[in-house]
Amino acid sequence: MTRIDHVLVCLLALGAGALSVHGGEVSSLAKRQETLNLAAQLLAPRTNPAAQLPDDLVNPFDPGAKAIKNSAGQMPDRPPASSDRETLEKIASSIKASGMMMLRGQPLLLVHEKKLRVGDDLKIKFEGFDYVVVVTAIEPTSFSLRLNREEVTRPIKPGKKIP
């Protein structure tokens, strides 16, 4: 045998000895049962903790939100309005657009200090509820708004001209 063969045989013998010393011990029956009990406890179904929260809890991410209850003491699921169309007409009549302008070929609706583009959201507080209306069209003399599936067009009221 050559010297390399002797080294390989020695390494194999050392490896076999190491395996026998650290051999695969099988855990005891009690330890296995303890592990299985812990796994069953961790995987057991639990009740949803959010189901136990009160109904009038205010959203912490909306600091302006207030819990509003109806006469029966329950939270209303939607604002008390006849329809989205009537609500949108009332909201649209309260929006006073001062004009429109073109910027880089796109029309902008001027409402107070805001410059709104087509597709922009406008958050309106109306009768104690927050509504989000979408600007759907801007023309030189009118603009259109959408609330859910209802849409209404309103005229632009031009501001006073300074002579």
C-alpha atoms as a PDB file:
ATOM      1  CA  MET A   1       0.000   0.000   0.000  1.00  0.00           C
ATOM      2  CA  THR A   2       1.071   3.491  -0.695  1.00  0.00           C
ATOM      3  CA  ARG A   3       1.173   6.316   1.714  1.00  0.00           C
ATOM      4  CA  ILE A   4      -2.018   7.888   0.322  1.00  0.00           C
ATOM      5  CA  ASP A   5      -3.869   4.633   0.814  1.00  0.00           C
ATOM      6  CA  HIS A   6      -2.773   4.534   4.468  1.00  0.00           C
ATOM      7  CA  VAL A   7      -4.042   8.079   5.000  1.00  0.00           C
ATOM      8  CA  LEU A   8      -7.393   7.250   3.430  1.00  0.00           C
ATOM      9  CA  VAL A   9      -7.819   4.119   5.570  1.00  0.00           C
ATOM     10  CA  CYS A  10      -7.001   6.128   8.705  1.00  0.00           C
ATOM     11  CA  LEU A  11      -9.502   8.831   7.783  1.00  0.00           C
ATOM     12  CA  LEU A  12     -12.206   6.245   7.173  1.00  0.00           C
ATOM     13  CA  ALA A  13     -11.485   4.618  10.533  1.00  0.00           C
ATOM     14  CA  LEU A  14     -11.656   7.985  12.304  1.00  0.00           C
ATOM     15  CA  GLY A  15     -14.921   8.808  10.523  1.00  0.00           C
ATOM     16  CA  ALA A  16     -16.466   5.486  11.517  1.00  0.00           C
ATOM     17  CA  GLY A  17     -15.354   6.009  15.113  1.00  0.00           C
ATOM     18  CA  ALA A  18     -16.881   9.495  15.176  1.00  0.00           C
ATOM     19  CA  LEU A  19     -20.185   8.150  13.905  1.00  0.00           C
ATOM     20  CA  SER A  20     -20.285   5.482  16.553  1.00  0.00           C
ATOM     21  CA  VAL A  21     -19.590   8.007  19.328  1.00  0.00           C
ATOM     22  CA  HIS A  22     -22.210  10.508  18.117  1.00  0.00           C
ATOM     23  CA  GLY A  23     -24.511   7.806  16.795  1.00  0.00           C
ATOM     24  CA  GLY A  24     -28.140   8.561  16.163  1.00  0.00           C
ATOM     25  CA  GLU A  25     -29.759   8.359  19.540  1.00  0.00           C
ATOM     26  CA  VAL A  26     -33.471   7.717  19.489  1.00  0.00           C
ATOM     27  CA  SER A  27     -35.252   9.961  21.931  1.00  0.00           C
ATOM     28  CA  SER A  28     -37.168   8.365  24.732  1.00  0.00           C
ATOM     29  CA  LEU A  29     -40.876   7.669  24.530  1.00  0.00           C
ATOM     30  CA  ALA A  30     -41.680  10.357  27.123  1.00  0.00           C
ATOM     31  CA  LYS A  31     -39.719  13.036  25.218  1.00  0.00           C
ATOM     32  CA  ARG A  32     -41.448  12.137  21.930  1.00  0.00           C
ATOM     33  CA  GLN A  33     -44.879  12.266  23.584  1.00  0.00           C
ATOM     34  CA  GLU A  34     -44.053  15.674  25.098  1.00  0.00           C
ATOM     35  CA  THR A  35     -43.116  16.987  21.638  1.00  0.00           C
ATOM     36  CA  LEU A  36     -46.316  15.611  20.108  1.00  0.00           C
ATOM     37  CA  ASN A  37     -48.459  17.215  22.839  1.00  0.00           C
ATOM     38  CA  LEU A  38     -46.776  20.585  22.267  1.00  0.00           C
ATOM     39  CA  ALA A  39     -47.351  20.306  18.500  1.00  0.00           C
ATOM     40  CA  ALA A  40     -51.039  19.454  19.025  1.00  0.00           C
ATOM     41  CA  GLN A  41     -51.438  22.430  21.358  1.00  0.00           C
ATOM     42  CA  LEU A  42     -49.803  24.830  18.889  1.00  0.00           C
ATOM     43  CA  LEU A  43     -51.857  23.556  15.945  1.00  0.00           C
ATOM     44  CA  ALA A  44     -55.210  23.527  17.758  1.00  0.00           C
ATOM     45  CA  PRO A  45     -57.845  25.885  16.240  1.00  0.00           C
ATOM     46  CA  ARG A  46     -58.442  29.093  18.142  1.00  0.00           C
ATOM     47  CA  THR A  47     -61.255  31.641  18.168  1.00  0.00           C
ATOM     48  CA  ASN A  48     -60.704  34.953  16.387  1.00  0.00           C
ATOM     49  CA  PRO A  49     -59.868  37.613  19.016  1.00  0.00           C
ATOM     50  CA  ALA A  50     -61.388  40.325  16.784  1.00  0.00           C
ATOM     51  CA  ALA A  51     -64.813  38.704  17.191  1.00  0.00           C
ATOM     52  CA  GLN A  52     -64.790  39.705  20.854  1.00  0.00           C
ATOM     53  CA  LEU A  53     -64.284  43.441  20.162  1.00  0.00           C
ATOM     54  CA  PRO A  54     -67.238  45.792  20.764  1.00  0.00           C
ATOM     55  CA  ASP A  55     -69.232  46.981  17.732  1.00  0.00           C
ATOM     56  CA  ASP A  56     -68.821  50.674  18.539  1.00  0.00           C
ATOM     57  CA  LEU A  57     -65.019  50.541  18.547  1.00  0.00           C
ATOM     58  CA  VAL A  58     -63.555  53.507  16.643  1.00  0.00           C
ATOM     59  CA  ASN A  59     -60.934  52.857  13.950  1.00  0.00           C
ATOM     60  CA  PRO A  60     -57.573  53.975  15.421  1.00  0.00           C
ATOM     61  CA  PHE A  61     -56.246  54.825  11.947  1.00  0.00           C
ATOM     62  CA  ASP A  62     -59.024  57.396  11.347  1.00  0.00           C
ATOM     63  CA  PRO A  63     -58.730  59.973  14.141  1.00  0.00           C
ATOM     64  CA  GLY A  64     -61.762  61.915  12.887  1.00  0.00           C
ATOM     65  CA  ALA A  65     -64.029  58.873  12.989  1.00  0.00           C
ATOM     66  CA  LYS A  66     -66.836  58.826  15.510  1.00  0.00           C
ATOM     67  CA  ALA A  67     -69.032  55.952  16.550  1.00  0.00           C
ATOM     68  CA  ILE A  68     -72.509  56.788  15.258  1.00  0.00           C
ATOM     69  CA  LYS A  69     -75.427  54.719  16.485  1.00  0.00           C
ATOM     70  CA  ASN A  70     -78.994  54.691  15.320  1.00  0.00           C
ATOM     71  CA  SER A  71     -82.004  54.819  17.650  1.00  0.00           C
ATOM     72  CA  ALA A  72     -81.813  51.044  18.246  1.00  0.00           C
ATOM     73  CA  GLY A  73     -78.244  51.440  19.562  1.00  0.00           C
ATOM     74  CA  GLN A  74     -76.687  49.677  16.585  1.00  0.00           C
ATOM     75  CA  MET A  75     -74.088  50.950  14.165  1.00  0.00           C
ATOM     76  CA  PRO A  76     -75.573  51.858  10.773  1.00  0.00           C
ATOM     77  CA  ASP A  77     -74.005  49.903   7.941  1.00  0.00           C
ATOM     78  CA  ARG A  78     -74.372  52.823   5.552  1.00  0.00           C
ATOM     79  CA  PRO A  79     -75.341  56.488   5.769  1.00  0.00           C
ATOM     80  CA  PRO A  80     -79.071  57.230   5.973  1.00  0.00           C
ATOM     81  CA  ALA A  81     -79.757  58.368   2.394  1.00  0.00           C
ATOM     82  CA  SER A  82     -82.387  57.560  -0.182  1.00  0.00           C
ATOM     83  CA  SER A  83     -79.961  56.569  -2.920  1.00  0.00           C
ATOM     84  CA  ASP A  84     -76.457  57.148  -4.198  1.00  0.00           C
ATOM     85  CA  ARG A  85     -77.883  59.375  -6.954  1.00  0.00           C
ATOM     86  CA  GLU A  86     -79.611  61.754  -4.522  1.00  0.00           C
ATOM     87  CA  THR A  87     -76.560  61.827  -2.266  1.00  0.00           C
ATOM     88  CA  LEU A  88     -74.259  62.552  -5.198  1.00  0.00           C
ATOM     89  CA  GLU A  89     -76.512  65.373  -6.424  1.00  0.00           C
ATOM     90  CA  LYS A  90     -76.446  66.989  -2.981  1.00  0.00           C
ATOM     91  CA  ILE A  91     -72.666  66.588  -2.720  1.00  0.00           C
ATOM     92  CA  ALA A  92     -72.096  67.910  -6.262  1.00  0.00           C
ATOM     93  CA  SER A  93     -74.210  70.995  -5.584  1.00  0.00           C
ATOM     94  CA  SER A  94     -72.025  71.787  -2.569  1.00  0.00           C
ATOM     95  CA  ILE A  95     -68.797  71.686  -4.628  1.00  0.00           C
ATOM     96  CA  LYS A  96     -67.953  75.144  -5.949  1.00  0.00           C
ATOM     97  CA  ALA A  97     -65.518  74.790  -8.829  1.00  0.00           C
ATOM     98  CA  SER A  98     -64.009  78.160  -9.671  1.00  0.00           C
ATOM     99  CA  GLY A  99     -62.805  77.193 -13.134  1.00  0.00           C
ATOM    100  CA  MET A 100     -60.689  74.894 -15.243  1.00  0.00           C
ATOM    101  CA  MET A 101     -57.308  75.187 -16.879  1.00  0.00           C
ATOM    102  CA  MET A 102     -55.149  73.176 -19.246  1.00  0.00           C
ATOM    103  CA  LEU A 103     -51.718  71.981 -18.101  1.00  0.00           C
ATOM    104  CA  ARG A 104     -49.572  69.972 -20.511  1.00  0.00           C
ATOM    105  CA  GLY A 105     -52.651  69.145 -22.547  1.00  0.00           C
ATOM    106  CA  GLN A 106     -54.634  67.815 -19.573  1.00  0.00           C
ATOM    107  CA  PRO A 107     -57.617  69.650 -18.081  1.00  0.00           C
ATOM    108  CA  LEU A 108     -57.478  70.589 -14.400  1.00  0.00           C
ATOM    109  CA  LEU A 109     -60.535  71.441 -12.303  1.00  0.00           C
ATOM    110  CA  LEU A 110     -59.954  74.267  -9.817  1.00  0.00           C
ATOM    111  CA  VAL A 111     -61.765  73.664  -6.515  1.00  0.00           C
ATOM    112  CA  HIS A 112     -60.684  76.023  -3.733  1.00  0.00           C
ATOM    113  CA  GLU A 113     -56.891  75.541  -3.558  1.00  0.00           C
ATOM    114  CA  LYS A 114     -56.948  72.122  -5.216  1.00  0.00           C
ATOM    115  CA  LYS A 115     -56.193  71.307  -8.828  1.00  0.00           C
ATOM    116  CA  LEU A 116     -57.963  68.050  -9.703  1.00  0.00           C
ATOM    117  CA  ARG A 117     -57.359  65.850 -12.747  1.00  0.00           C
ATOM    118  CA  VAL A 118     -59.700  63.323 -14.313  1.00  0.00           C
ATOM    119  CA  GLY A 119     -59.597  60.207 -12.114  1.00  0.00           C
ATOM    120  CA  ASP A 120     -58.657  62.061  -8.913  1.00  0.00           C
ATOM    121  CA  ASP A 121     -60.539  61.304  -5.686  1.00  0.00           C
ATOM    122  CA  LEU A 122     -62.166  64.090  -3.716  1.00  0.00           C
ATOM    123  CA  LYS A 123     -63.016  63.339  -0.065  1.00  0.00           C
ATOM    124  CA  ILE A 124     -66.152  65.162   1.058  1.00  0.00           C
ATOM    125  CA  LYS A 125     -67.709  65.210   4.531  1.00  0.00           C
ATOM    126  CA  PHE A 126     -71.478  65.354   4.061  1.00  0.00           C
ATOM    127  CA  GLU A 127     -74.168  64.947   6.742  1.00  0.00           C
ATOM    128  CA  GLY A 128     -71.661  63.455   9.179  1.00  0.00           C
ATOM    129  CA  PHE A 129     -70.291  60.826   6.794  1.00  0.00           C
ATOM    130  CA  ASP A 130     -67.187  60.821   4.628  1.00  0.00           C
ATOM    131  CA  TYR A 131     -67.740  60.211   0.922  1.00  0.00           C
ATOM    132  CA  VAL A 132     -65.151  59.788  -1.802  1.00  0.00           C
ATOM    133  CA  VAL A 133     -66.266  61.082  -5.193  1.00  0.00           C
ATOM    134  CA  VAL A 134     -64.209  60.651  -8.351  1.00  0.00           C
ATOM    135  CA  VAL A 135     -63.743  63.323 -11.008  1.00  0.00           C
ATOM    136  CA  THR A 136     -64.708  61.547 -14.249  1.00  0.00           C
ATOM    137  CA  ALA A 137     -64.719  64.387 -16.795  1.00  0.00           C
ATOM    138  CA  ILE A 138     -63.637  68.019 -17.052  1.00  0.00           C
ATOM    139  CA  GLU A 139     -65.001  70.242 -19.820  1.00  0.00           C
ATOM    140  CA  PRO A 140     -64.530  74.003 -20.277  1.00  0.00           C
ATOM    141  CA  THR A 141     -67.965  74.725 -18.767  1.00  0.00           C
ATOM    142  CA  SER A 142     -68.761  71.599 -16.709  1.00  0.00           C
ATOM    143  CA  PHE A 143     -67.348  68.704 -14.730  1.00  0.00           C
ATOM    144  CA  SER A 144     -68.616  65.218 -13.862  1.00  0.00           C
ATOM    145  CA  LEU A 145     -68.407  63.337 -10.566  1.00  0.00           C
ATOM    146  CA  ARG A 146     -69.034  59.690  -9.703  1.00  0.00           C
ATOM    147  CA  LEU A 147     -70.116  58.083  -6.437  1.00  0.00           C
ATOM    148  CA  ASN A 148     -70.180  54.289  -6.609  1.00  0.00           C
ATOM    149  CA  ARG A 149     -72.039  53.650  -9.897  1.00  0.00           C
ATOM    150  CA  GLU A 150     -73.889  56.965 -10.131  1.00  0.00           C
ATOM    151  CA  GLU A 151     -72.540  59.922 -12.108  1.00  0.00           C
ATOM    152  CA  VAL A 152     -73.673  63.550 -12.299  1.00  0.00           C
ATOM    153  CA  THR A 153     -72.495  66.566 -14.330  1.00  0.00           C
ATOM    154  CA  ARG A 154     -72.378  70.075 -12.842  1.00  0.00           C
ATOM    155  CA  PRO A 155     -71.584  73.464 -14.418  1.00  0.00           C
ATOM    156  CA  ILE A 156     -68.403  75.301 -13.513  1.00  0.00           C
ATOM    157  CA  LYS A 157     -69.222  78.588 -11.838  1.00  0.00           C
ATOM    158  CA  PRO A 158     -66.624  81.074 -13.067  1.00  0.00           C
ATOM    159  CA  GLY A 159     -65.129  83.451 -10.567  1.00  0.00           C
ATOM    160  CA  LYS A 160     -65.545  87.214 -10.736  1.00  0.00           C
ATOM    161  CA  LYS A 161     -63.562  88.918 -13.468  1.00  0.00           C
ATOM    162  CA  ILE A 162     -61.424  91.841 -12.436  1.00  0.00           C
ATOM    163  CA  PRO A 163     -61.704  94.721 -14.952  1.00  0.00           C
END
